Amino acid sequence: MILNTLLSDPMIFVAWVVAIVVALTFHEFSHALASVVMGDHTAKDLGRLTLNPMSHVSGLGFLMLLFIGFGWGKPVPFNPYNLKYHKWGPALVAVAGPISNLLLATISGLALHYIVLLDWLPLENLLVQFLNIFVILNVILLVFNLIPIPPLDGSKVLFSLLSAPRYADIVLFLESRGPYVLLFLLILDNVVGLNIFGRVFESVIQIVYNLIF
């Protein structure tokens, strides 16, 4: 748990907080940017086309990241009817967030790779630790947000795939009950100790580490 580092290693805790704020800010900003590029200015008009963390960081999502290791930012509003592509526009706006996390993980992973490869800094250096944290965090946000359950980004991709009228009941159920289903799965995963999400994240992070090192 990230919060445990507050007492054991306060500087690492600060590194986690900074990483969370930066990653969530870029994630939500990318949603806003994608919507504007595709013709909808709702997010821009509401002040969301900014890299100001105060506009993007959700208190609950931030605390979830501190307490259980994954969370979210403030949802970026957009009008799907203003987008250039009515069927796939919402999905493209949605995946812009995870793509930003992929780019951040790639950039920080490459930096970490060359720092270690060229032995520029010791592993215990705070910058090295921050880059390591930043890679882990962005991978978690990438994978978590691609889960196809509302309100996560993956649900918008699923809804674009299920746009035919015959899937309307499924979409309606997921839109109305999806957040409760997700919350139930998170509670079940942590309280019962299934740790399914944790194992998935660890597997993906290990693959990323194999690429970096």
C-alpha atoms as a PDB file:
ATOM      1  CA  MET A   1       0.000   0.000   0.000  1.00  0.00           C
ATOM      2  CA  ILE A   2       1.363   3.390  -1.051  1.00  0.00           C
ATOM      3  CA  LEU A   3       0.180   5.043   2.166  1.00  0.00           C
ATOM      4  CA  ASN A   4       2.492   2.809   4.210  1.00  0.00           C
ATOM      5  CA  THR A   5       5.524   4.567   2.724  1.00  0.00           C
ATOM      6  CA  LEU A   6       4.491   7.813   4.468  1.00  0.00           C
ATOM      7  CA  LEU A   7       6.079   6.582   7.699  1.00  0.00           C
ATOM      8  CA  SER A   8       8.667   4.141   6.366  1.00  0.00           C
ATOM      9  CA  ASP A   9      10.076   6.415   3.616  1.00  0.00           C
ATOM     10  CA  PRO A  10       8.440   9.869   3.342  1.00  0.00           C
ATOM     11  CA  MET A  11      10.402  10.851   0.211  1.00  0.00           C
ATOM     12  CA  ILE A  12       9.121   7.791  -1.643  1.00  0.00           C
ATOM     13  CA  PHE A  13       5.604   8.723  -0.516  1.00  0.00           C
ATOM     14  CA  VAL A  14       6.116  12.208  -1.960  1.00  0.00           C
ATOM     15  CA  ALA A  15       7.406  10.627  -5.181  1.00  0.00           C
ATOM     16  CA  TRP A  16       4.233   8.530  -5.378  1.00  0.00           C
ATOM     17  CA  VAL A  17       2.016  11.582  -4.809  1.00  0.00           C
ATOM     18  CA  VAL A  18       3.802  13.584  -7.521  1.00  0.00           C
ATOM     19  CA  ALA A  19       3.622  10.628  -9.910  1.00  0.00           C
ATOM     20  CA  ILE A  20      -0.114  10.183  -9.279  1.00  0.00           C
ATOM     21  CA  VAL A  21      -0.867  13.867  -9.815  1.00  0.00           C
ATOM     22  CA  VAL A  22       1.158  14.044 -13.054  1.00  0.00           C
ATOM     23  CA  ALA A  23      -0.199  10.781 -14.488  1.00  0.00           C
ATOM     24  CA  LEU A  24      -3.846  11.585 -13.714  1.00  0.00           C
ATOM     25  CA  THR A  25      -3.467  15.129 -15.069  1.00  0.00           C
ATOM     26  CA  PHE A  26      -2.036  13.973 -18.392  1.00  0.00           C
ATOM     27  CA  HIS A  27      -4.625  11.192 -18.620  1.00  0.00           C
ATOM     28  CA  GLU A  28      -7.599  13.542 -18.244  1.00  0.00           C
ATOM     29  CA  PHE A  29      -6.009  16.311 -20.328  1.00  0.00           C
ATOM     30  CA  SER A  30      -5.625  13.793 -23.159  1.00  0.00           C
ATOM     31  CA  HIS A  31      -9.362  13.060 -23.060  1.00  0.00           C
ATOM     32  CA  ALA A  32     -10.082  16.796 -23.326  1.00  0.00           C
ATOM     33  CA  LEU A  33      -7.569  17.272 -26.141  1.00  0.00           C
ATOM     34  CA  ALA A  34      -8.992  14.353 -28.133  1.00  0.00           C
ATOM     35  CA  SER A  35     -12.527  15.698 -27.830  1.00  0.00           C
ATOM     36  CA  VAL A  36     -11.461  19.161 -29.006  1.00  0.00           C
ATOM     37  CA  VAL A  37      -9.483  17.723 -31.940  1.00  0.00           C
ATOM     38  CA  MET A  38     -12.608  15.827 -33.018  1.00  0.00           C
ATOM     39  CA  GLY A  39     -14.827  18.892 -32.911  1.00  0.00           C
ATOM     40  CA  ASP A  40     -16.365  19.056 -29.437  1.00  0.00           C
ATOM     41  CA  HIS A  41     -15.407  22.030 -27.248  1.00  0.00           C
ATOM     42  CA  THR A  42     -17.367  21.035 -24.133  1.00  0.00           C
ATOM     43  CA  ALA A  43     -14.241  20.139 -22.145  1.00  0.00           C
ATOM     44  CA  LYS A  44     -12.425  23.272 -23.302  1.00  0.00           C
ATOM     45  CA  ASP A  45     -15.365  25.505 -22.372  1.00  0.00           C
ATOM     46  CA  LEU A  46     -15.417  23.939 -18.894  1.00  0.00           C
ATOM     47  CA  GLY A  47     -11.718  24.605 -18.352  1.00  0.00           C
ATOM     48  CA  ARG A  48     -10.558  21.002 -18.750  1.00  0.00           C
ATOM     49  CA  LEU A  49      -8.159  21.612 -21.651  1.00  0.00           C
ATOM     50  CA  THR A  50      -5.396  22.402 -19.192  1.00  0.00           C
ATOM     51  CA  LEU A  51      -2.476  20.743 -17.433  1.00  0.00           C
ATOM     52  CA  ASN A  52      -3.535  22.280 -14.109  1.00  0.00           C
ATOM     53  CA  PRO A  53      -3.850  19.273 -11.749  1.00  0.00           C
ATOM     54  CA  MET A  54      -6.632  20.987  -9.781  1.00  0.00           C
ATOM     55  CA  SER A  55      -8.885  20.614 -12.827  1.00  0.00           C
ATOM     56  CA  HIS A  56      -8.304  16.886 -13.206  1.00  0.00           C
ATOM     57  CA  VAL A  57      -7.445  15.111  -9.952  1.00  0.00           C
ATOM     58  CA  SER A  58     -10.417  13.447  -8.256  1.00  0.00           C
ATOM     59  CA  GLY A  59     -10.264  13.275  -4.468  1.00  0.00           C
ATOM     60  CA  LEU A  60     -11.797   9.795  -4.358  1.00  0.00           C
ATOM     61  CA  GLY A  61      -9.741   8.484  -7.270  1.00  0.00           C
ATOM     62  CA  PHE A  62      -6.582   9.889  -5.671  1.00  0.00           C
ATOM     63  CA  LEU A  63      -7.349   8.241  -2.330  1.00  0.00           C
ATOM     64  CA  MET A  64      -8.109   4.946  -4.072  1.00  0.00           C
ATOM     65  CA  LEU A  65      -4.654   5.043  -5.618  1.00  0.00           C
ATOM     66  CA  LEU A  66      -3.088   5.698  -2.213  1.00  0.00           C
ATOM     67  CA  PHE A  67      -5.065   3.007  -0.383  1.00  0.00           C
ATOM     68  CA  ILE A  68      -5.514   0.186  -2.905  1.00  0.00           C
ATOM     69  CA  GLY A  69      -3.103   1.016  -5.715  1.00  0.00           C
ATOM     70  CA  PHE A  70      -5.397   2.064  -8.577  1.00  0.00           C
ATOM     71  CA  GLY A  71      -7.845   4.895  -9.146  1.00  0.00           C
ATOM     72  CA  TRP A  72      -8.995   7.612 -11.546  1.00  0.00           C
ATOM     73  CA  GLY A  73      -9.248  11.332 -12.241  1.00  0.00           C
ATOM     74  CA  LYS A  74     -12.285  13.577 -12.734  1.00  0.00           C
ATOM     75  CA  PRO A  75     -14.265  12.395 -15.785  1.00  0.00           C
ATOM     76  CA  VAL A  76     -13.916  14.752 -18.749  1.00  0.00           C
ATOM     77  CA  PRO A  77     -17.343  15.781 -20.130  1.00  0.00           C
ATOM     78  CA  PHE A  78     -17.922  15.786 -23.876  1.00  0.00           C
ATOM     79  CA  ASN A  79     -20.879  15.857 -26.256  1.00  0.00           C
ATOM     80  CA  PRO A  80     -20.730  12.787 -28.514  1.00  0.00           C
ATOM     81  CA  TYR A  81     -23.050  14.472 -31.048  1.00  0.00           C
ATOM     82  CA  ASN A  82     -20.401  17.122 -31.729  1.00  0.00           C
ATOM     83  CA  LEU A  83     -17.677  14.616 -32.567  1.00  0.00           C
ATOM     84  CA  LYS A  84     -16.659  14.025 -36.173  1.00  0.00           C
ATOM     85  CA  TYR A  85     -17.120  10.291 -35.857  1.00  0.00           C
ATOM     86  CA  HIS A  86     -20.443   9.525 -34.210  1.00  0.00           C
ATOM     87  CA  LYS A  87     -19.871   5.780 -33.797  1.00  0.00           C
ATOM     88  CA  TRP A  88     -16.199   5.638 -32.828  1.00  0.00           C
ATOM     89  CA  GLY A  89     -15.703   9.212 -31.582  1.00  0.00           C
ATOM     90  CA  PRO A  90     -16.492   8.425 -27.917  1.00  0.00           C
ATOM     91  CA  ALA A  91     -14.176   5.412 -28.048  1.00  0.00           C
ATOM     92  CA  LEU A  92     -11.354   7.535 -29.492  1.00  0.00           C
ATOM     93  CA  VAL A  93     -11.836  10.166 -26.777  1.00  0.00           C
ATOM     94  CA  ALA A  94     -11.802   7.389 -24.173  1.00  0.00           C
ATOM     95  CA  VAL A  95      -8.638   5.610 -25.360  1.00  0.00           C
ATOM     96  CA  ALA A  96      -6.748   8.921 -25.498  1.00  0.00           C
ATOM     97  CA  GLY A  97      -6.347   8.666 -21.710  1.00  0.00           C
ATOM     98  CA  PRO A  98      -4.768   5.185 -21.629  1.00  0.00           C
ATOM     99  CA  ILE A  99      -2.637   6.104 -24.656  1.00  0.00           C
ATOM    100  CA  SER A 100      -1.217   9.025 -22.666  1.00  0.00           C
ATOM    101  CA  ASN A 101      -0.306   6.588 -19.879  1.00  0.00           C
ATOM    102  CA  LEU A 102       1.336   4.309 -22.436  1.00  0.00           C
ATOM    103  CA  LEU A 103       3.422   7.216 -23.730  1.00  0.00           C
ATOM    104  CA  LEU A 104       4.394   8.325 -20.208  1.00  0.00           C
ATOM    105  CA  ALA A 105       5.329   4.752 -19.248  1.00  0.00           C
ATOM    106  CA  THR A 106       7.389   4.409 -22.440  1.00  0.00           C
ATOM    107  CA  ILE A 107       9.258   7.696 -21.941  1.00  0.00           C
ATOM    108  CA  SER A 108       9.991   7.067 -18.258  1.00  0.00           C
ATOM    109  CA  GLY A 109      10.861   3.432 -19.009  1.00  0.00           C
ATOM    110  CA  LEU A 110      13.383   4.449 -21.665  1.00  0.00           C
ATOM    111  CA  ALA A 111      14.907   7.016 -19.300  1.00  0.00           C
ATOM    112  CA  LEU A 112      15.160   4.381 -16.570  1.00  0.00           C
ATOM    113  CA  HIS A 113      16.641   1.880 -19.002  1.00  0.00           C
ATOM    114  CA  TYR A 114      19.493   4.149 -20.088  1.00  0.00           C
ATOM    115  CA  ILE A 115      20.198   5.459 -16.584  1.00  0.00           C
ATOM    116  CA  VAL A 116      20.635   1.873 -15.368  1.00  0.00           C
ATOM    117  CA  LEU A 117      22.386   0.656 -18.528  1.00  0.00           C
ATOM    118  CA  LEU A 118      24.942   3.464 -18.492  1.00  0.00           C
ATOM    119  CA  ASP A 119      25.209   3.438 -14.702  1.00  0.00           C
ATOM    120  CA  TRP A 120      24.561   7.170 -14.474  1.00  0.00           C
ATOM    121  CA  LEU A 121      22.896   7.023 -11.062  1.00  0.00           C
ATOM    122  CA  PRO A 122      22.702   4.457  -8.242  1.00  0.00           C
ATOM    123  CA  LEU A 123      19.460   2.495  -7.956  1.00  0.00           C
ATOM    124  CA  GLU A 124      18.642   4.115  -4.609  1.00  0.00           C
ATOM    125  CA  ASN A 125      18.760   7.605  -6.164  1.00  0.00           C
ATOM    126  CA  LEU A 126      15.412   9.395  -5.754  1.00  0.00           C
ATOM    127  CA  LEU A 127      15.134  10.176  -9.478  1.00  0.00           C
ATOM    128  CA  VAL A 128      15.621   6.500 -10.315  1.00  0.00           C
ATOM    129  CA  GLN A 129      13.023   5.572  -7.711  1.00  0.00           C
ATOM    130  CA  PHE A 130      10.609   8.150  -9.123  1.00  0.00           C
ATOM    131  CA  LEU A 131      11.014   6.861 -12.680  1.00  0.00           C
ATOM    132  CA  ASN A 132      10.401   3.332 -11.444  1.00  0.00           C
ATOM    133  CA  ILE A 133       7.247   4.463  -9.619  1.00  0.00           C
ATOM    134  CA  PHE A 134       6.106   6.438 -12.670  1.00  0.00           C
ATOM    135  CA  VAL A 135       6.428   3.390 -14.920  1.00  0.00           C
ATOM    136  CA  ILE A 136       4.472   1.206 -12.486  1.00  0.00           C
ATOM    137  CA  LEU A 137       1.742   3.795 -11.974  1.00  0.00           C
ATOM    138  CA  ASN A 138       1.186   4.496 -15.659  1.00  0.00           C
ATOM    139  CA  VAL A 139       1.045   0.794 -16.478  1.00  0.00           C
ATOM    140  CA  ILE A 140      -1.579   0.315 -13.749  1.00  0.00           C
ATOM    141  CA  LEU A 141      -3.651   3.270 -15.020  1.00  0.00           C
ATOM    142  CA  LEU A 142      -3.341   1.991 -18.587  1.00  0.00           C
ATOM    143  CA  VAL A 143      -4.507  -1.538 -17.790  1.00  0.00           C
ATOM    144  CA  PHE A 144      -7.147  -0.556 -15.218  1.00  0.00           C
ATOM    145  CA  ASN A 145      -8.812   2.033 -17.437  1.00  0.00           C
ATOM    146  CA  LEU A 146      -9.083  -0.404 -20.353  1.00  0.00           C
ATOM    147  CA  ILE A 147     -11.423  -2.640 -18.335  1.00  0.00           C
ATOM    148  CA  PRO A 148     -14.733  -2.484 -20.274  1.00  0.00           C
ATOM    149  CA  ILE A 149     -16.926  -1.568 -17.299  1.00  0.00           C
ATOM    150  CA  PRO A 150     -18.362   1.953 -16.785  1.00  0.00           C
ATOM    151  CA  PRO A 151     -17.146   4.456 -15.838  1.00  0.00           C
ATOM    152  CA  LEU A 152     -13.753   3.237 -17.085  1.00  0.00           C
ATOM    153  CA  ASP A 153     -12.476   4.141 -20.550  1.00  0.00           C
ATOM    154  CA  GLY A 154     -12.735   0.619 -21.892  1.00  0.00           C
ATOM    155  CA  SER A 155     -16.517   0.786 -21.584  1.00  0.00           C
ATOM    156  CA  LYS A 156     -16.694   3.474 -24.297  1.00  0.00           C
ATOM    157  CA  VAL A 157     -14.860   1.146 -26.682  1.00  0.00           C
ATOM    158  CA  LEU A 158     -17.253  -1.667 -25.758  1.00  0.00           C
ATOM    159  CA  PHE A 159     -20.282   0.591 -26.320  1.00  0.00           C
ATOM    160  CA  SER A 160     -19.004   1.519 -29.790  1.00  0.00           C
ATOM    161  CA  LEU A 161     -18.737  -2.179 -30.576  1.00  0.00           C
ATOM    162  CA  LEU A 162     -22.267  -2.740 -29.222  1.00  0.00           C
ATOM    163  CA  SER A 163     -23.844   0.196 -31.063  1.00  0.00           C
ATOM    164  CA  ALA A 164     -26.400  -1.957 -32.908  1.00  0.00           C
ATOM    165  CA  PRO A 165     -29.985  -1.669 -31.549  1.00  0.00           C
ATOM    166  CA  ARG A 166     -30.049  -5.344 -30.542  1.00  0.00           C
ATOM    167  CA  TYR A 167     -27.435  -4.605 -27.856  1.00  0.00           C
ATOM    168  CA  ALA A 168     -29.353  -1.670 -26.360  1.00  0.00           C
ATOM    169  CA  ASP A 169     -30.419  -3.591 -23.254  1.00  0.00           C
ATOM    170  CA  ILE A 170     -26.849  -4.669 -22.532  1.00  0.00           C
ATOM    171  CA  VAL A 171     -25.563  -1.119 -22.943  1.00  0.00           C
ATOM    172  CA  LEU A 172     -28.351   0.262 -20.744  1.00  0.00           C
ATOM    173  CA  PHE A 173     -27.588  -2.264 -18.020  1.00  0.00           C
ATOM    174  CA  LEU A 174     -23.867  -1.496 -18.074  1.00  0.00           C
ATOM    175  CA  GLU A 175     -24.442   2.267 -18.083  1.00  0.00           C
ATOM    176  CA  SER A 176     -26.779   2.109 -15.087  1.00  0.00           C
ATOM    177  CA  ARG A 177     -25.212  -0.737 -13.106  1.00  0.00           C
ATOM    178  CA  GLY A 178     -21.624  -0.753 -14.325  1.00  0.00           C
ATOM    179  CA  PRO A 179     -20.171   1.495 -11.576  1.00  0.00           C
ATOM    180  CA  TYR A 180     -21.771  -0.702  -8.902  1.00  0.00           C
ATOM    181  CA  VAL A 181     -20.451  -3.848 -10.598  1.00  0.00           C
ATOM    182  CA  LEU A 182     -16.965  -2.339 -10.688  1.00  0.00           C
ATOM    183  CA  LEU A 183     -17.144  -1.263  -7.040  1.00  0.00           C
ATOM    184  CA  PHE A 184     -18.361  -4.732  -6.050  1.00  0.00           C
ATOM    185  CA  LEU A 185     -15.480  -6.374  -7.917  1.00  0.00           C
ATOM    186  CA  LEU A 186     -12.943  -4.044  -6.279  1.00  0.00           C
ATOM    187  CA  ILE A 187     -14.316  -4.703  -2.799  1.00  0.00           C
ATOM    188  CA  LEU A 188     -14.513  -8.456  -3.445  1.00  0.00           C
ATOM    189  CA  ASP A 189     -10.991  -8.491  -4.807  1.00  0.00           C
ATOM    190  CA  ASN A 190      -9.552  -6.725  -1.751  1.00  0.00           C
ATOM    191  CA  VAL A 191     -11.741  -7.879   1.135  1.00  0.00           C
ATOM    192  CA  VAL A 192     -11.899 -11.539   0.149  1.00  0.00           C
ATOM    193  CA  GLY A 193      -8.260 -11.437  -0.896  1.00  0.00           C
ATOM    194  CA  LEU A 194      -8.689 -12.734  -4.447  1.00  0.00           C
ATOM    195  CA  ASN A 195      -6.192 -10.118  -5.687  1.00  0.00           C
ATOM    196  CA  ILE A 196      -7.133 -10.757  -9.315  1.00  0.00           C
ATOM    197  CA  PHE A 197      -6.493  -7.148 -10.290  1.00  0.00           C
ATOM    198  CA  GLY A 198      -3.187  -7.156  -8.436  1.00  0.00           C
ATOM    199  CA  ARG A 199      -2.009 -10.314 -10.192  1.00  0.00           C
ATOM    200  CA  VAL A 200      -2.930  -8.905 -13.591  1.00  0.00           C
ATOM    201  CA  PHE A 201      -1.075  -5.671 -12.872  1.00  0.00           C
ATOM    202  CA  GLU A 202       1.973  -7.552 -11.566  1.00  0.00           C
ATOM    203  CA  SER A 203       2.077  -9.723 -14.683  1.00  0.00           C
ATOM    204  CA  VAL A 204       1.944  -6.732 -17.029  1.00  0.00           C
ATOM    205  CA  ILE A 205       4.508  -4.806 -14.949  1.00  0.00           C
ATOM    206  CA  GLN A 206       6.838  -7.803 -15.070  1.00  0.00           C
ATOM    207  CA  ILE A 207       6.578  -7.851 -18.863  1.00  0.00           C
ATOM    208  CA  VAL A 208       7.427  -4.131 -18.898  1.00  0.00           C
ATOM    209  CA  TYR A 209      10.410  -4.714 -16.585  1.00  0.00           C
ATOM    210  CA  ASN A 210      11.665  -7.439 -18.910  1.00  0.00           C
ATOM    211  CA  LEU A 211      11.601  -4.886 -21.731  1.00  0.00           C
ATOM    212  CA  ILE A 212      13.320  -2.180 -19.663  1.00  0.00           C
ATOM    213  CA  PHE A 213      16.041  -4.308 -18.099  1.00  0.00           C
END
